[in-house]
Protein backbone atom coordinates (compact mmCIF):
# COMPACT_ATOMS: atom_id res chain seq x y z
CA UNK A 1 -30.27 2.69 2.71
CA UNK A 2 -26.49 2.65 1.74
CA UNK A 3 -25.47 -0.20 -0.43
CA UNK A 4 -22.54 -2.38 0.30
CA UNK A 5 -20.63 -0.92 -2.59
CA UNK A 6 -21.17 2.67 -1.27
CA UNK A 7 -19.96 1.65 2.26
CA UNK A 8 -16.84 0.15 0.63
CA UNK A 9 -16.22 3.53 -1.26
CA UNK A 10 -16.72 5.60 1.86
CA UNK A 11 -14.30 3.42 3.84
CA UNK A 12 -11.78 3.55 0.97
CA UNK A 13 -12.02 7.38 0.90
CA UNK A 14 -11.64 7.61 4.63
CA UNK A 15 -8.49 5.47 4.71
CA UNK A 16 -7.01 7.54 1.74
CA UNK A 17 -7.43 10.78 3.62
CA UNK A 18 -5.58 9.29 6.71
CA UNK A 19 -2.84 7.90 4.52
CA UNK A 20 -2.25 11.10 2.61
CA UNK A 21 -1.52 12.78 5.96
CA UNK A 22 1.28 10.33 6.58
CA UNK A 23 2.30 9.85 2.95
CA UNK A 24 5.51 11.71 3.05
CA UNK A 25 6.79 10.39 6.44
CA UNK A 26 6.96 6.76 5.55
CA UNK A 27 6.33 4.36 2.61
CA UNK A 28 3.02 2.55 2.51
CA UNK A 29 2.33 -1.13 2.28
CA UNK A 30 -0.55 -1.38 -0.24
CA UNK A 31 -2.56 -4.56 -0.39
CA UNK A 32 -4.77 -5.68 -3.08
CA UNK A 33 -7.05 -8.65 -2.74
CA UNK A 34 -8.77 -10.22 -5.73
CA UNK A 35 -10.94 -13.30 -5.68
CA UNK A 36 -8.15 -15.54 -6.69
CA UNK A 37 -4.88 -13.86 -5.78
CA UNK A 38 -3.26 -11.42 -3.28
CA UNK A 39 -0.82 -8.62 -4.12
CA UNK A 40 1.30 -6.42 -1.89
CA UNK A 41 3.67 -3.68 -2.57
CA UNK A 42 5.66 -1.07 -0.71
CA UNK A 43 5.30 2.34 -2.37
CA UNK A 44 7.20 5.60 -1.68
CA UNK A 45 4.61 8.26 -2.51
CA UNK A 46 7.07 11.12 -2.21
CA UNK A 47 9.36 9.70 -5.04
CA UNK A 48 6.62 7.76 -6.83
CA UNK A 49 8.44 4.48 -6.72
CA UNK A 50 7.62 0.88 -5.85
CA UNK A 51 10.41 -0.28 -3.42
CA UNK A 52 9.28 -3.85 -3.02
CA UNK A 53 6.47 -6.18 -4.19
CA UNK A 54 5.22 -9.68 -3.73
CA UNK A 55 2.19 -11.59 -4.88
CA UNK A 56 0.70 -14.98 -4.77
CA UNK A 57 1.77 -15.38 -8.39
CA UNK A 58 5.51 -15.01 -7.67
CA UNK A 59 7.72 -17.68 -9.07
CA UNK A 60 9.35 -18.19 -5.61
CA UNK A 61 5.96 -19.35 -4.33
CA UNK A 62 5.15 -21.81 -7.08
CA UNK A 63 5.82 -25.04 -5.11
CA UNK A 64 5.10 -23.69 -1.60
CA UNK A 65 1.39 -22.81 -1.86
CA UNK A 66 -1.57 -24.58 -3.38
CA UNK A 67 -3.79 -21.65 -4.28
CA UNK A 68 -3.60 -17.94 -4.17
CA UNK A 69 -6.66 -17.39 -2.08
CA UNK A 70 -5.79 -19.15 1.28
CA UNK A 71 -4.66 -17.74 4.70
CA UNK A 72 -1.41 -19.63 4.38
CA UNK A 73 -0.64 -17.94 1.03
CA UNK A 74 -1.30 -14.65 2.69
CA UNK A 75 1.16 -15.35 5.38
CA UNK A 76 3.73 -16.29 2.88
CA UNK A 77 3.24 -13.20 0.82
CA UNK A 78 3.40 -11.01 3.88
CA UNK A 79 6.68 -12.54 5.05
CA UNK A 80 8.14 -12.29 1.53
CA UNK A 81 7.22 -8.60 1.03
CA UNK A 82 8.62 -7.74 4.42
CA UNK A 83 11.79 -9.60 3.60
CA UNK A 84 12.29 -7.75 0.31
CA UNK A 85 11.60 -4.47 1.95
CA UNK A 86 14.10 -4.97 4.80
CA UNK A 87 16.70 -5.84 2.11
CA UNK A 88 15.97 -2.37 0.50
CA UNK A 89 16.22 -0.64 3.92
CA UNK A 90 12.63 -0.03 4.60
CA UNK A 91 11.61 -0.90 8.25
CA UNK A 92 8.60 1.30 8.96
CA UNK A 93 5.55 1.49 6.66
CA UNK A 94 1.90 2.80 6.69
CA UNK A 95 -0.49 -0.08 6.15
CA UNK A 96 -2.96 0.60 3.23
CA UNK A 97 -5.61 -2.10 3.15
CA UNK A 98 -7.38 -0.36 0.28
CA UNK A 99 -10.72 0.05 2.09
CA UNK A 100 -10.93 -3.68 2.86
CA UNK A 101 -12.00 -4.78 6.43
CA UNK A 102 -9.04 -5.84 8.48
CA UNK A 103 -9.75 -9.65 8.75
CA UNK A 104 -9.12 -12.84 6.79
CA UNK A 105 -6.29 -12.69 4.28
CA UNK A 106 -5.57 -8.94 4.90
CA UNK A 107 -5.02 -9.60 8.53
CA UNK A 108 -2.92 -12.70 7.88
CA UNK A 109 -0.69 -10.65 5.55
CA UNK A 110 -0.19 -7.86 8.02
CA UNK A 111 0.54 -10.23 10.94
CA UNK A 112 3.07 -12.05 8.88
CA UNK A 113 4.76 -8.83 7.76
CA UNK A 114 5.02 -7.70 11.36
CA UNK A 115 6.51 -11.02 12.46
CA UNK A 116 9.11 -10.63 9.66
CA UNK A 117 10.24 -7.24 10.99
CA UNK A 118 8.13 -4.53 9.52
CA UNK A 119 6.73 -2.02 11.89
CA UNK A 120 3.39 -0.17 11.34
């Protein structure tokens, strides 16, 4: 029987292969979700640069959110990273959820980024 950790690793490897095929056409929106916080950054793999980043620890969000692990925080972080990316001239990205299932905070961040103007 395959353990939960092994399924996560298979899913992560599968998404990495798909993203590597598209890596040089568009930047990727990479999302990391810890137990307490949420981090998102837009990375240009061809140049090896981080173009924009936002997290639930940003100083801009100190008074707006109660905790770093709520759906409302994910929506604010998604909108913030999209706003920063559009300021840098990035409008299309590949979504890298890091092997996580597309639900909960990951889904809320993605939908907020789409509403703010990013296409993926």
